[in-house]
Amino acid sequence: MPTTVPQISFNINLQSDERVKLIAYRHWLVLARNLSIWFTFWFICTVIFLWRVSIVGIDSLNTVLFGAGTIFFAAMIYSYFDWRNDALVVTNQRVISYNSRFLISVQRNELYVREIEDVKTVTESIFSRYFDYGEIEVQTASRLRNIAFLGIVNPTLVRDTILEFVEPVKEEEQVGRVEQIVRARVLKQGVMPSLPPLSDFIPPEQTGRTLLGIIPPSPEVRGNSIIWRKHWLFLFVEAANPILLFLILNLSWSLLIGNDFIRSGGSLLILAVLDLFCIAWLIYEVIDWRNDEYIVTPINIIDIERKPLGRETKRETTWDKIQNVSLNQENLWARILKYGDVELFTAGQNENFTFRGVAAPDSVLAVISDYRDQFEQRARDRDFDSTLMLLQHYHKLQREELQVLFDDHRTHIESKLPPPEQLETGN
């Protein structure tokens, strides 16, 4: 149940001015659902075990049943502690998700209030609405950093508590953005708001790692750009041919030599030449795979297909032309191995971009969608800047017009006054 009492089984390192406002746990029905499976197996094993013990006593089958029942009972205890250690903590500065796999792993995610864009709740059925539990998702500018907590008690209360601290911060940020634009454009103080770097949209744990310096990471952060490549499976498929040929040649040569069908002198030279050909073919396939890049920069999106000894095809488009982004995983293997196609729909009918077979396509989709949202926000800032410029010119012309009217009026008044000599003599 949600509680305002800070009874936490883990340390969240509160700041001096930070206070815990709410702690929410998973609903007891989540525990009941997990326990029901293990309880069913434990109950069946126990009933059969007790029935057979009363008839035949202890034998090998009863020993197996007793061992299985013990394992299922231990699984129920494990499920309880696993459920008990999960919590969502809301403070006046942060939202912290703590997911503990009992005795195995701990996953902790946290977001500062200023990073939160929105909070979404989902109750999937009448049953979940009746028992008041569901899913809550704390959304940020980067979908990869969102916090999702399933089976939480009273998701509406949790959402309202988070938004209680988020909305004032967002209002302050909006006012600050407007003030920054006004100061930069009108008062010539400071600079206009700028887009965050692309690297901010990829959490550090999402960044790929190189393999022996041969297979580069995907995604790869290079300066202000993010580079994705096709999934390693496509490299494996292309590299399989030279590897298989290499193995067949060497195995065949060994068998022929072992059975005295050929002599090792000239045949060894021929084998060495064929092996070098296979190695060169393999290197070609690796370079060919590495050279196909899908690049996202702060200005544009680039699709490069480059043959090691052939031509290069390069297509690019700018962010303002991107209309929509979609993800397509055609089969079960694509979902299991986590690869797919990310298609970018542009304003032109025949200018759509497709990142084919990229690894972690959901990550690619999230980064592109998130950055496009930020790009559109900056476009709105530029529209506001244009409005400010128009108003600035309007007020400048208005001041000039008023100055002309003031000068004309002063000239008119001065023309009605007597000369200064008459004013001095009093005549």
Protein backbone atom coordinates (compact mmCIF):
# COMPACT_ATOMS: atom_id res chain seq x y z
CA MET A 1 0.00 0.00 0.00
CA PRO A 2 1.18 3.59 -0.60
CA THR A 3 2.45 5.13 2.56
CA THR A 4 3.88 8.44 3.67
CA VAL A 5 6.05 6.79 6.33
CA PRO A 6 9.63 6.43 5.04
CA GLN A 7 10.04 2.73 5.81
CA ILE A 8 12.52 1.74 3.13
CA SER A 9 14.63 -1.40 3.04
CA PHE A 10 17.34 0.32 0.99
CA ASN A 11 19.31 3.54 1.25
CA ILE A 12 18.29 6.34 -1.12
CA ASN A 13 20.80 8.93 0.19
CA LEU A 14 18.41 11.81 0.82
CA GLN A 15 19.75 15.33 0.38
CA SER A 16 19.58 17.79 3.27
CA ASP A 17 16.43 19.46 1.87
CA GLU A 18 14.89 16.29 0.43
CA ARG A 19 11.88 14.61 2.02
CA VAL A 20 10.13 11.33 1.23
CA LYS A 21 6.51 12.03 0.30
CA LEU A 22 5.24 8.61 -0.73
CA ILE A 23 6.37 4.99 -1.00
CA ALA A 24 4.36 2.69 -3.26
CA TYR A 25 4.67 -1.08 -3.53
CA ARG A 26 3.31 -3.71 -5.87
CA HIS A 27 -0.24 -4.87 -5.18
CA TRP A 28 -0.78 -8.09 -3.21
CA LEU A 29 -2.51 -9.57 -6.26
CA VAL A 30 0.85 -9.47 -8.08
CA LEU A 31 2.23 -11.65 -5.30
CA ALA A 32 -0.83 -13.90 -5.41
CA ARG A 33 -0.45 -14.36 -9.16
CA ASN A 34 3.21 -15.34 -8.81
CA LEU A 35 2.53 -17.62 -5.84
CA SER A 36 -0.40 -19.39 -7.50
CA ILE A 37 1.82 -21.18 -10.01
CA TRP A 38 4.31 -22.48 -7.44
CA PHE A 39 1.52 -23.25 -4.97
CA THR A 40 -0.28 -25.38 -7.55
CA PHE A 41 2.82 -27.50 -8.23
CA TRP A 42 3.65 -27.71 -4.52
CA PHE A 43 0.09 -28.79 -3.67
CA ILE A 44 0.05 -31.50 -6.36
CA CYS A 45 3.43 -32.88 -5.27
CA THR A 46 2.44 -32.81 -1.60
CA VAL A 47 -0.90 -34.59 -2.14
CA ILE A 48 0.66 -37.32 -4.28
CA PHE A 49 3.57 -37.68 -1.86
CA LEU A 50 1.29 -38.09 1.19
CA TRP A 51 -0.97 -40.53 -0.66
CA ARG A 52 1.91 -42.73 -1.85
CA VAL A 53 3.69 -42.62 1.54
CA SER A 54 0.55 -44.00 3.20
CA ILE A 55 0.52 -46.88 0.70
CA VAL A 56 4.10 -47.81 -0.24
CA GLY A 57 6.18 -45.79 2.20
CA ILE A 58 9.37 -44.06 1.11
CA ASP A 59 10.65 -45.04 -2.32
CA SER A 60 12.58 -43.34 -5.12
CA LEU A 61 9.48 -41.67 -6.62
CA ASN A 62 8.39 -40.32 -3.24
CA THR A 63 11.89 -38.98 -2.72
CA VAL A 64 11.64 -37.13 -6.05
CA LEU A 65 8.19 -35.81 -5.11
CA PHE A 66 9.47 -34.62 -1.74
CA GLY A 67 12.44 -32.86 -3.39
CA ALA A 68 10.21 -31.23 -6.01
CA GLY A 69 7.76 -30.08 -3.34
CA THR A 70 10.61 -28.58 -1.33
CA ILE A 71 11.83 -26.69 -4.40
CA PHE A 72 8.33 -25.36 -5.15
CA PHE A 73 7.90 -24.29 -1.52
CA ALA A 74 11.26 -22.49 -1.64
CA ALA A 75 10.12 -20.80 -4.86
CA MET A 76 7.06 -19.46 -3.01
CA ILE A 77 9.27 -18.02 -0.27
CA TYR A 78 11.58 -16.51 -2.92
CA SER A 79 8.58 -14.96 -4.74
CA TYR A 80 7.44 -13.32 -1.52
CA PHE A 81 10.79 -11.66 -0.78
CA ASP A 82 11.19 -10.70 -4.43
CA TRP A 83 7.77 -8.97 -4.32
CA ARG A 84 8.43 -7.38 -0.94
CA ASN A 85 11.68 -5.68 -1.99
CA ASP A 86 10.24 -3.72 -4.94
CA ALA A 87 9.19 -0.12 -4.33
CA LEU A 88 8.64 3.24 -6.00
CA VAL A 89 9.75 6.17 -3.84
CA VAL A 90 8.59 9.74 -4.45
CA THR A 91 10.43 12.62 -2.81
CA ASN A 92 10.12 16.34 -3.34
CA GLN A 93 13.14 16.14 -5.69
CA ARG A 94 13.25 12.65 -7.22
CA VAL A 95 11.34 9.55 -8.28
CA ILE A 96 13.23 6.34 -7.48
CA SER A 97 12.36 2.87 -8.77
CA TYR A 98 13.88 -0.04 -6.86
CA ASN A 99 13.52 -3.50 -8.42
CA SER A 100 15.31 -6.24 -6.53
CA ARG A 101 15.68 -9.80 -7.76
CA PHE A 102 16.14 -11.41 -4.36
CA LEU A 103 19.74 -12.59 -3.90
CA ILE A 104 20.40 -12.13 -7.65
CA SER A 105 20.40 -8.52 -8.80
CA VAL A 106 19.23 -5.01 -7.98
CA GLN A 107 18.04 -2.48 -10.53
CA ARG A 108 17.65 1.09 -9.36
CA ASN A 109 16.51 3.95 -11.60
CA GLU A 110 15.91 7.50 -10.54
CA LEU A 111 14.76 10.72 -12.15
CA TYR A 112 14.93 14.24 -10.85
CA VAL A 113 11.68 16.16 -10.91
CA ARG A 114 13.06 18.62 -13.46
CA GLU A 115 13.64 15.72 -15.91
CA ILE A 116 10.05 14.44 -15.80
CA GLU A 117 7.81 15.41 -18.71
CA ASP A 118 4.63 13.52 -17.83
CA VAL A 119 3.25 10.62 -15.79
CA LYS A 120 1.01 8.01 -17.41
CA THR A 121 -1.12 5.40 -15.67
CA VAL A 122 -2.70 2.29 -17.20
CA THR A 123 -5.34 0.00 -15.69
CA GLU A 124 -5.96 -2.73 -18.21
CA SER A 125 -9.21 -4.27 -16.97
CA ILE A 126 -12.25 -3.85 -14.77
CA PHE A 127 -10.59 -6.28 -12.35
CA SER A 128 -7.53 -4.03 -11.94
CA ARG A 129 -9.71 -0.93 -11.60
CA TYR A 130 -11.82 -2.61 -8.91
CA PHE A 131 -8.77 -3.60 -6.86
CA ASP A 132 -7.07 -0.28 -7.67
CA TYR A 133 -3.76 -1.33 -9.16
CA GLY A 134 -2.07 -0.89 -12.51
CA GLU A 135 1.00 0.35 -14.33
CA ILE A 136 2.61 3.74 -13.97
CA GLU A 137 5.15 5.20 -16.40
CA VAL A 138 7.20 8.26 -15.55
CA GLN A 139 8.09 9.83 -18.88
CA THR A 140 11.10 11.98 -19.74
CA ALA A 141 12.42 13.67 -22.86
CA SER A 142 14.21 10.39 -23.63
CA ARG A 143 11.99 7.32 -23.82
CA LEU A 144 14.99 5.16 -22.94
CA ARG A 145 15.11 6.73 -19.49
CA ASN A 146 11.43 6.32 -18.65
CA ILE A 147 10.58 4.52 -15.43
CA ALA A 148 7.84 1.90 -15.65
CA PHE A 149 6.49 0.19 -12.53
CA LEU A 150 3.98 -2.64 -12.99
CA GLY A 151 1.26 -3.72 -10.60
CA ILE A 152 1.55 -0.65 -8.38
CA VAL A 153 -1.07 0.09 -5.73
CA ASN A 154 -3.26 3.15 -6.30
CA PRO A 155 -1.54 4.43 -9.46
CA THR A 156 -3.69 7.56 -9.55
CA LEU A 157 -2.47 8.68 -6.12
CA VAL A 158 1.14 8.04 -7.13
CA ARG A 159 0.70 9.99 -10.36
CA ASP A 160 -0.92 12.96 -8.62
CA THR A 161 1.82 13.00 -5.98
CA ILE A 162 4.54 13.11 -8.63
CA LEU A 163 2.79 15.78 -10.68
CA GLU A 164 2.35 17.86 -7.52
CA PHE A 165 6.10 18.50 -7.66
CA VAL A 166 6.57 18.34 -11.44
CA GLU A 167 4.03 20.95 -12.55
CA PRO A 168 5.52 23.91 -10.61
CA VAL A 169 8.97 23.02 -11.95
CA LYS A 170 7.65 22.80 -15.51
CA GLU A 171 5.87 26.13 -15.21
CA GLU A 172 9.07 27.67 -13.90
CA GLU A 173 11.06 26.16 -16.78
CA GLN A 174 8.55 27.45 -19.35
CA VAL A 175 8.71 30.95 -17.89
CA GLY A 176 12.50 30.67 -17.80
CA ARG A 177 12.60 29.63 -21.48
CA VAL A 178 10.44 32.60 -22.48
CA GLU A 179 12.58 34.96 -20.40
CA GLN A 180 15.73 33.52 -21.96
CA ILE A 181 14.38 34.14 -25.47
CA VAL A 182 13.26 37.68 -24.59
CA ARG A 183 16.60 38.51 -22.99
CA ALA A 184 18.56 37.08 -25.89
CA ARG A 185 16.48 38.74 -28.61
CA VAL A 186 15.27 42.01 -27.09
CA LEU A 187 17.81 42.85 -24.41
CA LYS A 188 20.78 41.23 -26.22
CA GLN A 189 21.70 39.34 -23.05
CA GLY A 190 22.66 35.67 -23.15
CA VAL A 191 21.91 33.18 -25.91
CA MET A 192 18.85 31.47 -27.34
CA PRO A 193 17.80 28.05 -25.95
CA SER A 194 19.64 25.27 -27.76
CA LEU A 195 19.00 21.59 -28.36
CA PRO A 196 20.58 19.18 -25.87
CA PRO A 197 23.39 17.02 -27.31
CA LEU A 198 22.28 13.79 -28.92
CA SER A 199 24.34 11.76 -26.45
CA ASP A 200 21.95 12.88 -23.69
CA PHE A 201 19.21 10.77 -25.28
CA ILE A 202 21.13 7.51 -24.77
CA PRO A 203 21.72 6.33 -21.19
CA PRO A 204 25.31 5.19 -20.57
CA GLU A 205 24.18 1.59 -20.06
CA GLN A 206 22.61 1.60 -23.55
CA THR A 207 25.87 2.46 -25.30
CA GLY A 208 27.29 -0.51 -27.17
CA ARG A 209 30.72 -2.04 -26.68
CA THR A 210 33.31 -2.96 -29.27
CA LEU A 211 34.26 -6.61 -29.74
CA LEU A 212 38.03 -7.14 -30.01
CA GLY A 213 38.30 -3.90 -31.94
CA ILE A 214 36.70 -5.60 -34.97
CA ILE A 215 32.98 -5.15 -34.43
CA PRO A 216 32.29 -1.53 -33.45
CA PRO A 217 29.67 -0.64 -30.85
CA SER A 218 26.09 0.01 -31.84
CA PRO A 219 25.04 2.62 -31.02
CA GLU A 220 28.34 4.47 -31.29
CA VAL A 221 28.61 8.06 -30.08
CA ARG A 222 31.06 9.93 -32.28
CA GLY A 223 31.29 13.62 -31.43
CA ASN A 224 27.82 15.11 -31.88
CA SER A 225 26.60 12.14 -33.90
CA ILE A 226 25.09 8.76 -33.09
CA ILE A 227 25.83 5.85 -35.41
CA TRP A 228 23.89 2.61 -35.68
CA ARG A 229 24.77 -0.44 -37.75
CA LYS A 230 22.97 -3.58 -38.76
CA HIS A 231 22.63 -6.35 -36.21
CA TRP A 232 25.58 -8.72 -35.80
CA LEU A 233 23.37 -11.51 -37.19
CA PHE A 234 23.69 -10.01 -40.69
CA LEU A 235 27.48 -10.01 -40.33
CA PHE A 236 27.34 -13.63 -39.20
CA VAL A 237 25.25 -14.63 -42.23
CA GLU A 238 27.61 -12.93 -44.68
CA ALA A 239 30.75 -14.19 -42.90
CA ALA A 240 29.47 -17.76 -42.76
CA ASN A 241 30.35 -18.45 -46.43
CA PRO A 242 34.12 -17.72 -46.24
CA ILE A 243 34.36 -19.40 -42.83
CA LEU A 244 32.61 -22.56 -44.06
CA LEU A 245 34.74 -22.61 -47.21
CA PHE A 246 37.88 -22.26 -45.07
CA LEU A 247 36.83 -25.17 -42.84
CA ILE A 248 35.85 -27.39 -45.78
CA LEU A 249 39.13 -26.77 -47.61
CA ASN A 250 41.31 -27.49 -44.57
CA LEU A 251 39.28 -30.54 -43.51
CA SER A 252 39.33 -31.95 -47.04
CA TRP A 253 43.07 -31.37 -47.34
CA SER A 254 43.68 -33.13 -44.01
CA LEU A 255 41.61 -36.14 -45.08
CA LEU A 256 43.32 -36.36 -48.46
CA ILE A 257 46.78 -36.09 -46.91
CA GLY A 258 45.90 -38.62 -44.21
CA ASN A 259 44.81 -41.19 -46.81
CA ASP A 260 47.79 -40.54 -49.11
CA PHE A 261 45.63 -39.31 -51.98
CA ILE A 262 47.81 -36.21 -52.43
CA ARG A 263 51.27 -35.06 -51.43
CA SER A 264 51.86 -32.21 -49.07
CA GLY A 265 54.32 -30.23 -51.24
CA GLY A 266 52.35 -28.53 -53.99
CA SER A 267 48.97 -29.10 -52.34
CA LEU A 268 50.07 -27.14 -49.28
CA LEU A 269 50.90 -24.15 -51.44
CA ILE A 270 47.51 -24.35 -53.15
CA LEU A 271 45.79 -24.66 -49.75
CA ALA A 272 47.65 -21.61 -48.45
CA VAL A 273 46.50 -19.57 -51.47
CA LEU A 274 42.90 -20.71 -50.98
CA ASP A 275 43.07 -19.97 -47.24
CA LEU A 276 44.34 -16.45 -47.96
CA PHE A 277 41.44 -16.03 -50.36
CA CYS A 278 38.98 -17.10 -47.63
CA ILE A 279 40.57 -14.72 -45.10
CA ALA A 280 40.45 -11.85 -47.61
CA TRP A 281 36.81 -12.67 -48.34
CA LEU A 282 36.04 -12.66 -44.62
CA ILE A 283 37.79 -9.30 -44.15
CA TYR A 284 35.82 -7.93 -47.09
CA GLU A 285 32.51 -8.99 -45.51
CA VAL A 286 33.45 -7.47 -42.14
CA ILE A 287 34.45 -4.15 -43.73
CA ASP A 288 31.31 -4.19 -45.88
CA TRP A 289 29.17 -4.64 -42.75
CA ARG A 290 31.06 -1.92 -40.85
CA ASN A 291 30.72 0.56 -43.72
CA ASP A 292 26.91 0.51 -43.72
CA GLU A 293 26.03 3.24 -41.24
CA TYR A 294 22.87 4.98 -40.10
CA ILE A 295 23.92 8.35 -38.70
CA VAL A 296 21.90 10.86 -36.72
CA THR A 297 23.35 14.36 -36.24
CA PRO A 298 21.86 17.54 -34.74
CA ILE A 299 21.22 18.78 -38.29
CA ASN A 300 20.30 15.79 -40.42
CA ILE A 301 19.87 12.02 -40.75
CA ILE A 302 22.23 10.11 -43.04
CA ASP A 303 22.06 6.62 -44.57
CA ILE A 304 25.41 5.40 -45.96
CA GLU A 305 25.99 2.18 -47.89
CA ARG A 306 29.64 1.85 -48.89
CA LYS A 307 31.27 -1.10 -50.66
CA PRO A 308 34.93 -1.72 -49.73
CA LEU A 309 35.99 -1.81 -53.39
CA GLY A 310 32.96 -0.23 -54.99
CA ARG A 311 30.66 2.71 -54.99
CA GLU A 312 29.15 4.59 -52.07
CA THR A 313 25.47 5.51 -51.76
CA LYS A 314 24.62 8.33 -49.40
CA ARG A 315 21.17 9.67 -48.63
CA GLU A 316 20.29 12.32 -46.10
CA THR A 317 17.40 14.45 -44.93
CA THR A 318 16.87 17.18 -42.36
CA TRP A 319 14.88 16.94 -39.14
CA ASP A 320 12.15 19.32 -40.28
CA LYS A 321 11.17 16.88 -43.05
CA ILE A 322 10.56 13.93 -40.70
CA GLN A 323 6.82 13.37 -40.37
CA ASN A 324 6.66 10.08 -38.49
CA VAL A 325 8.80 7.17 -37.29
CA SER A 326 7.75 3.51 -37.16
CA LEU A 327 9.26 0.18 -36.06
CA ASN A 328 8.81 -3.14 -37.85
CA GLN A 329 9.99 -6.54 -36.55
CA GLU A 330 8.81 -9.07 -39.10
CA ASN A 331 9.09 -12.34 -37.18
CA LEU A 332 9.66 -14.01 -33.84
CA TRP A 333 13.43 -14.27 -34.39
CA ALA A 334 13.64 -10.53 -34.88
CA ARG A 335 11.97 -9.97 -31.52
CA ILE A 336 14.10 -12.59 -29.76
CA LEU A 337 17.42 -11.35 -31.20
CA LYS A 338 16.29 -7.72 -30.97
CA TYR A 339 16.70 -6.40 -34.49
CA GLY A 340 14.32 -4.79 -36.92
CA ASP A 341 13.62 -1.98 -39.38
CA VAL A 342 13.08 1.62 -38.35
CA GLU A 343 11.34 3.65 -41.06
CA LEU A 344 11.38 7.43 -41.17
CA PHE A 345 8.51 8.94 -43.15
CA THR A 346 9.39 12.27 -44.76
CA ALA A 347 7.44 14.99 -46.53
CA GLY A 348 8.38 13.57 -49.95
CA GLN A 349 6.53 10.46 -51.11
CA ASN A 350 9.66 8.69 -52.41
CA GLU A 351 12.15 9.95 -49.85
CA ASN A 352 11.41 7.70 -46.87
CA PHE A 353 14.41 6.38 -44.95
CA THR A 354 14.65 2.82 -43.67
CA PHE A 355 17.28 1.74 -41.15
CA ARG A 356 17.23 -1.95 -42.06
CA GLY A 357 18.10 -4.68 -39.61
CA VAL A 358 19.43 -2.36 -36.91
CA ALA A 359 20.25 -3.72 -33.48
CA ALA A 360 17.96 -2.59 -30.65
CA PRO A 361 15.42 -0.94 -32.99
CA ASP A 362 13.31 0.25 -30.05
CA SER A 363 16.33 2.27 -28.90
CA VAL A 364 16.77 3.75 -32.38
CA LEU A 365 13.07 4.62 -32.54
CA ALA A 366 13.15 6.24 -29.11
CA VAL A 367 16.20 8.39 -29.79
CA ILE A 368 14.92 9.63 -33.15
CA SER A 369 11.41 10.32 -31.81
CA ASP A 370 12.71 12.07 -28.70
CA TYR A 371 15.14 14.26 -30.61
CA ARG A 372 12.46 15.10 -33.16
CA ASP A 373 10.22 16.26 -30.30
CA GLN A 374 13.01 18.48 -29.00
CA PHE A 375 13.64 19.79 -32.52
CA GLU A 376 9.98 20.73 -32.84
CA GLN A 377 10.14 22.49 -29.46
CA ARG A 378 13.07 24.58 -30.68
CA ALA A 379 11.12 25.29 -33.88
CA ARG A 380 8.33 26.69 -31.70
CA ASP A 381 10.94 28.75 -29.86
CA ARG A 382 12.11 30.13 -33.19
CA ASP A 383 8.52 31.01 -34.11
CA PHE A 384 8.23 32.83 -30.79
CA ASP A 385 11.52 34.54 -31.54
CA SER A 386 10.13 35.69 -34.90
CA THR A 387 7.08 37.07 -33.13
CA LEU A 388 9.34 38.95 -30.73
CA MET A 389 11.29 40.40 -33.64
CA LEU A 390 8.03 41.57 -35.24
CA LEU A 391 6.90 43.18 -31.99
CA GLN A 392 10.33 44.72 -31.53
CA HIS A 393 10.20 46.32 -34.98
CA TYR A 394 6.62 47.39 -34.36
CA HIS A 395 7.50 49.16 -31.13
CA LYS A 396 10.54 50.72 -32.79
CA LEU A 397 8.40 52.14 -35.59
CA GLN A 398 5.81 53.21 -33.05
CA ARG A 399 8.45 55.08 -31.02
CA GLU A 400 9.73 56.74 -34.19
CA GLU A 401 6.20 57.77 -35.15
CA LEU A 402 5.55 59.12 -31.67
CA GLN A 403 8.82 61.01 -31.79
CA VAL A 404 7.79 62.62 -35.09
CA LEU A 405 4.42 63.58 -33.64
CA PHE A 406 6.08 64.94 -30.53
CA ASP A 407 8.52 67.02 -32.60
CA ASP A 408 5.69 68.37 -34.76
CA HIS A 409 3.65 69.21 -31.69
CA ARG A 410 6.59 70.96 -30.03
CA THR A 411 7.29 72.92 -33.21
CA HIS A 412 3.65 73.95 -33.36
CA ILE A 413 3.66 75.14 -29.75
CA GLU A 414 6.93 76.98 -30.18
CA SER A 415 5.49 78.76 -33.22
CA LYS A 416 2.64 80.13 -31.09
CA LEU A 417 4.93 81.49 -28.40
CA PRO A 418 6.29 85.07 -28.64
CA PRO A 419 9.97 85.53 -29.34
CA PRO A 420 12.32 85.13 -26.39
CA GLU A 421 13.17 88.89 -26.45
CA GLN A 422 9.53 89.77 -25.73
CA LEU A 423 9.39 87.27 -22.90
CA GLU A 424 12.49 88.83 -21.32
CA THR A 425 11.15 92.45 -21.53
CA GLY A 426 7.67 91.39 -20.47
CA ASN A 427 6.06 93.14 -23.48
